[in-house]
Protein backbone atom coordinates (compact mmCIF):
# COMPACT_ATOMS: atom_id res chain seq x y z
CA VAL A 1 -7.02 -8.15 12.97
CA SER A 2 -3.53 -9.13 14.06
CA ILE A 3 -0.35 -7.96 12.13
CA LEU A 4 2.07 -10.73 12.78
CA GLY A 5 5.57 -11.05 11.98
CA PRO A 6 9.33 -11.02 13.15
CA SER A 7 10.92 -7.61 14.32
CA GLY A 8 11.77 -5.39 11.18
CA CYS A 9 9.22 -6.79 8.83
CA GLY A 10 7.15 -3.81 8.46
CA LYS A 11 4.28 -4.30 11.16
CA THR A 12 4.60 -0.78 12.93
CA THR A 13 5.30 1.08 9.82
CA THR A 14 1.99 -0.44 8.42
CA LEU A 15 0.27 0.55 11.60
CA ARG A 16 1.73 4.14 11.42
CA MET A 17 0.62 4.34 7.78
CA ILE A 18 -3.04 3.47 8.66
CA ALA A 19 -2.97 6.00 11.42
CA GLY A 20 -1.46 8.62 9.28
CA PHE A 21 1.94 9.12 11.18
CA GLU A 22 3.86 7.83 7.91
CA HIS A 23 2.97 8.09 4.36
CA PRO A 24 3.28 5.34 1.74
CA GLU A 25 5.74 5.72 -1.01
CA ASP A 26 3.07 4.29 -3.53
CA GLY A 27 -0.39 2.84 -3.09
CA ASP A 28 -3.14 4.11 -0.71
CA VAL A 29 -4.96 3.65 2.58
CA LEU A 30 -8.72 3.38 2.36
CA PHE A 31 -11.27 3.24 5.18
CA ASP A 32 -14.57 1.73 3.91
CA GLY A 33 -13.42 1.99 0.42
CA GLN A 34 -12.59 5.98 0.74
CA SER A 35 -9.12 7.11 0.45
CA VAL A 36 -7.65 8.72 3.57
CA GLY A 37 -4.03 9.17 2.09
CA GLN A 38 -4.34 12.82 2.21
CA VAL A 39 -6.44 12.96 5.52
CA PRO A 40 -4.38 14.39 8.57
CA VAL A 41 -3.98 12.00 11.77
CA ASN A 42 -6.30 13.94 13.68
CA LYS A 43 -8.94 13.73 11.15
CA ARG A 44 -8.85 10.06 10.68
CA ASN A 45 -10.80 9.12 13.86
CA ILE A 46 -8.12 6.59 15.09
CA GLY A 47 -7.40 5.43 18.44
CA MET A 48 -3.64 4.66 19.05
CA VAL A 49 -2.09 2.67 21.77
CA PHE A 50 1.72 2.84 21.58
CA GLN A 51 4.18 0.15 22.83
CA SER A 52 5.58 2.77 25.22
CA TYR A 53 1.96 4.08 26.19
CA ALA A 54 3.16 7.64 25.73
CA LEU A 55 1.24 8.97 28.55
CA PHE A 56 1.58 12.18 30.16
CA PRO A 57 3.70 11.36 33.23
CA THR A 58 2.74 14.62 35.03
CA MET A 59 -0.91 14.36 34.88
CA SER A 60 -3.37 12.43 36.94
CA VAL A 61 -5.01 9.17 35.36
CA TYR A 62 -8.46 11.18 34.90
CA ASP A 63 -6.59 14.00 33.03
CA ASN A 64 -4.61 11.59 30.67
CA ILE A 65 -8.01 9.92 29.61
CA ALA A 66 -9.64 13.39 29.43
CA PHE A 67 -6.97 14.92 27.43
CA GLY A 68 -8.26 14.33 23.78
CA LEU A 69 -11.87 15.17 25.04
CA ARG A 70 -10.59 18.45 26.25
CA VAL A 71 -9.10 19.27 22.76
CA GLN A 72 -12.46 18.64 21.48
CA LYS A 73 -13.67 21.08 23.63
CA LEU A 74 -16.44 19.10 25.12
CA SER A 75 -18.37 20.23 28.25
CA LYS A 76 -17.03 19.47 31.75
CA ASP A 77 -19.96 17.26 32.56
CA GLU A 78 -19.79 15.28 29.34
CA ILE A 79 -15.82 14.79 29.87
CA ASP A 80 -16.63 13.40 33.25
CA LYS A 81 -19.51 11.25 32.17
CA LYS A 82 -17.43 9.71 29.31
CA VAL A 83 -14.18 9.31 31.44
CA ARG A 84 -15.91 7.59 34.01
CA ALA A 85 -17.97 5.36 31.71
CA VAL A 86 -14.83 4.14 29.88
CA ALA A 87 -12.74 3.74 33.21
CA ALA A 88 -15.66 1.25 34.55
CA LYS A 89 -15.14 -0.77 31.17
CA ILE A 90 -11.45 -1.21 31.70
CA LYS A 91 -11.75 -1.71 35.36
CA ILE A 92 -9.94 1.61 36.38
CA THR A 93 -11.18 2.49 39.80
CA ASP A 94 -11.99 6.03 41.12
CA GLU A 95 -9.22 6.02 43.38
CA GLN A 96 -6.75 5.19 40.62
CA LEU A 97 -8.43 8.22 38.44
CA LYS A 98 -6.85 10.53 41.03
CA LYS A 99 -3.60 9.06 40.98
CA ASN A 100 -0.40 10.48 39.05
CA VAL A 101 0.36 8.12 35.99
CA ALA A 102 4.01 7.73 37.18
CA ALA A 103 2.58 6.11 40.38
CA LEU A 104 0.87 3.03 38.41
CA SER A 105 2.22 -0.22 37.49
CA GLY A 106 2.89 -1.18 33.97
CA GLY A 107 -0.30 -3.12 33.64
CA GLN A 108 -2.31 -0.17 35.11
CA GLN A 109 -0.57 2.37 32.61
CA GLN A 110 -1.55 0.03 29.71
CA ARG A 111 -5.34 0.23 30.96
CA VAL A 112 -4.90 4.13 30.99
CA ALA A 113 -3.28 4.15 27.54
CA LEU A 114 -6.44 1.99 26.17
CA ALA A 115 -9.05 4.11 28.03
CA ARG A 116 -7.72 7.12 26.44
CA ALA A 117 -7.70 5.79 22.91
CA ILE A 118 -11.32 4.28 23.55
CA VAL A 119 -13.02 7.09 25.00
CA LEU A 120 -12.59 9.22 21.94
CA GLU A 121 -14.87 6.68 20.17
CA PRO A 122 -12.53 5.94 17.24
CA LYS A 123 -13.64 4.33 14.11
CA ILE A 124 -10.46 1.88 14.19
CA LEU A 125 -8.34 1.15 17.22
CA CYS A 126 -4.50 0.64 16.69
CA LEU A 127 -2.63 -1.32 19.09
CA ASP A 128 1.28 -1.44 18.71
CA GLU A 129 2.54 -4.26 20.85
CA PRO A 130 0.72 -2.90 23.96
CA LEU A 131 1.57 -5.82 26.17
CA SER A 132 5.26 -6.45 25.25
CA ASN A 133 6.56 -4.49 28.35
CA LEU A 134 4.54 -6.84 30.78
CA ASP A 135 5.42 -9.93 32.73
CA ALA A 136 4.05 -13.26 31.26
CA LYS A 137 1.05 -13.69 33.77
CA LEU A 138 0.04 -9.97 33.31
CA ARG A 139 0.27 -10.45 29.73
CA ILE A 140 -2.07 -13.45 29.55
CA ASP A 141 -4.63 -11.60 32.08
CA LEU A 142 -4.55 -8.19 29.78
CA ARG A 143 -4.87 -10.32 26.63
CA ASP A 144 -8.25 -11.94 27.79
CA GLU A 145 -9.20 -8.33 28.96
CA LEU A 146 -8.42 -7.01 25.48
CA LYS A 147 -10.49 -9.70 23.82
CA ARG A 148 -13.59 -9.34 26.02
CA LEU A 149 -13.30 -5.34 25.59
CA GLN A 150 -13.04 -5.57 21.91
CA LYS A 151 -16.13 -7.76 21.52
CA GLU A 152 -18.10 -5.73 24.15
CA ILE A 153 -17.52 -2.28 22.35
CA GLY A 154 -17.28 -3.82 18.84
CA ILE A 155 -14.75 -1.58 17.29
CA THR A 156 -12.45 -2.52 14.43
CA THR A 157 -8.84 -3.36 16.11
CA ILE A 158 -5.49 -3.65 14.41
CA TYR A 159 -3.01 -5.33 16.64
CA VAL A 160 0.66 -5.45 16.00
CA THR A 161 2.40 -8.22 17.73
CA HIS A 162 5.36 -10.58 17.06
CA ASP A 163 3.89 -13.11 19.44
CA GLN A 164 2.45 -15.90 17.63
CA GLU A 165 0.36 -17.14 20.79
CA GLU A 166 -0.86 -13.82 21.29
CA ALA A 167 -2.14 -13.41 17.46
CA LEU A 168 -3.67 -16.68 17.56
CA THR A 169 -5.70 -16.14 20.66
CA LEU A 170 -6.78 -12.54 20.11
CA SER A 171 -7.54 -12.52 16.36
CA ASP A 172 -10.45 -13.33 14.19
CA ARG A 173 -7.93 -12.80 11.13
CA ILE A 174 -4.14 -12.55 11.09
CA ALA A 175 -1.85 -11.20 8.52
CA VAL A 176 1.51 -12.49 8.51
CA PHE A 177 4.32 -9.95 7.33
CA ASN A 178 7.95 -10.99 6.21
CA GLU A 179 10.41 -8.57 5.23
CA GLY A 180 7.92 -5.94 4.11
CA PHE A 181 5.71 -8.33 2.08
CA LEU A 182 2.65 -9.95 3.13
CA GLU A 183 2.64 -13.71 3.22
CA GLN A 184 -0.73 -14.49 4.26
CA VAL A 185 -4.20 -13.45 5.48
CA GLY A 186 -6.54 -15.95 6.99
CA THR A 187 -8.34 -16.98 10.37
CA PRO A 188 -6.02 -18.35 13.05
CA TYR A 189 -7.16 -22.01 12.06
CA GLU A 190 -6.33 -21.20 8.34
CA ILE A 191 -2.68 -19.74 9.36
CA TYR A 192 -1.99 -22.74 11.55
CA ASN A 193 -3.43 -25.58 9.50
CA HIS A 194 -2.98 -24.32 6.14
CA SER A 195 0.30 -22.29 5.98
CA ALA A 196 0.47 -20.52 2.47
CA SER A 197 4.25 -20.51 2.51
CA GLU A 198 6.91 -22.13 4.30
CA PHE A 199 7.88 -19.08 6.11
CA VAL A 200 4.45 -18.80 7.61
CA CYS A 201 4.63 -22.55 8.40
CA ASN A 202 8.01 -22.13 10.11
CA PHE A 203 7.10 -18.78 11.92
CA ILE A 204 3.67 -19.99 13.26
CA GLY A 205 5.46 -23.19 14.75
CA ASP A 206 7.76 -25.87 13.66
CA ILE A 207 5.50 -28.56 14.93
CA ASN A 208 3.73 -27.91 11.70
CA ARG A 209 6.66 -29.31 9.63
CA LEU A 210 6.70 -32.74 8.44
CA ASN A 211 10.13 -33.82 7.19
CA SER A 212 10.74 -37.06 5.31
CA ALA A 213 11.43 -38.85 8.52
CA ALA A 214 7.88 -37.71 10.04
CA ILE A 215 6.40 -38.60 6.80
CA ARG A 216 7.80 -42.22 6.60
CA ALA A 217 6.67 -42.54 10.48
CA VAL A 218 3.29 -41.76 9.46
């Protein structure tokens, strides 16, 4: 599910409430019908990839991915098995695992952040504009990779973006936000072809708008 909308509309705030970093002033957050409003962040089984990646710059790639597993006090062999398995899925090489995170490119750092979240086998994976700091070509490549990975591991994923093309390409469903309000939830086809409001129509693409001149031409 993608949360789509312009800057300042409440996308990241909503994601942070789901993860437990923020608490709603009203209402509740439910996982499978069960309230998690009072459940602390570390008990919600959420994987989070931040826009800034939030990696540990002085640690190696391996140690960054293994960090959460060590907090869980798993055995050294089990940690090694899990780290190498997720690295293979996300196409992080053994050579890169040994490198310091600071020596990696933005795209490689994004993969490490994703691996660190996935290795914990979370119930929900939250992604806060993880591709926004990358160049256009790399964004497209990693967007396709994210879609492949999401299908392969079958994890519920909530993806925050302001990029319409990104949302339409990646999503099974899209929630369009506007100034803190939910304008529409639907499949990419429904959002694009059956916009529920003028805002959704304009935000998804001006090509959807038929003005009086266009209607007369038809």
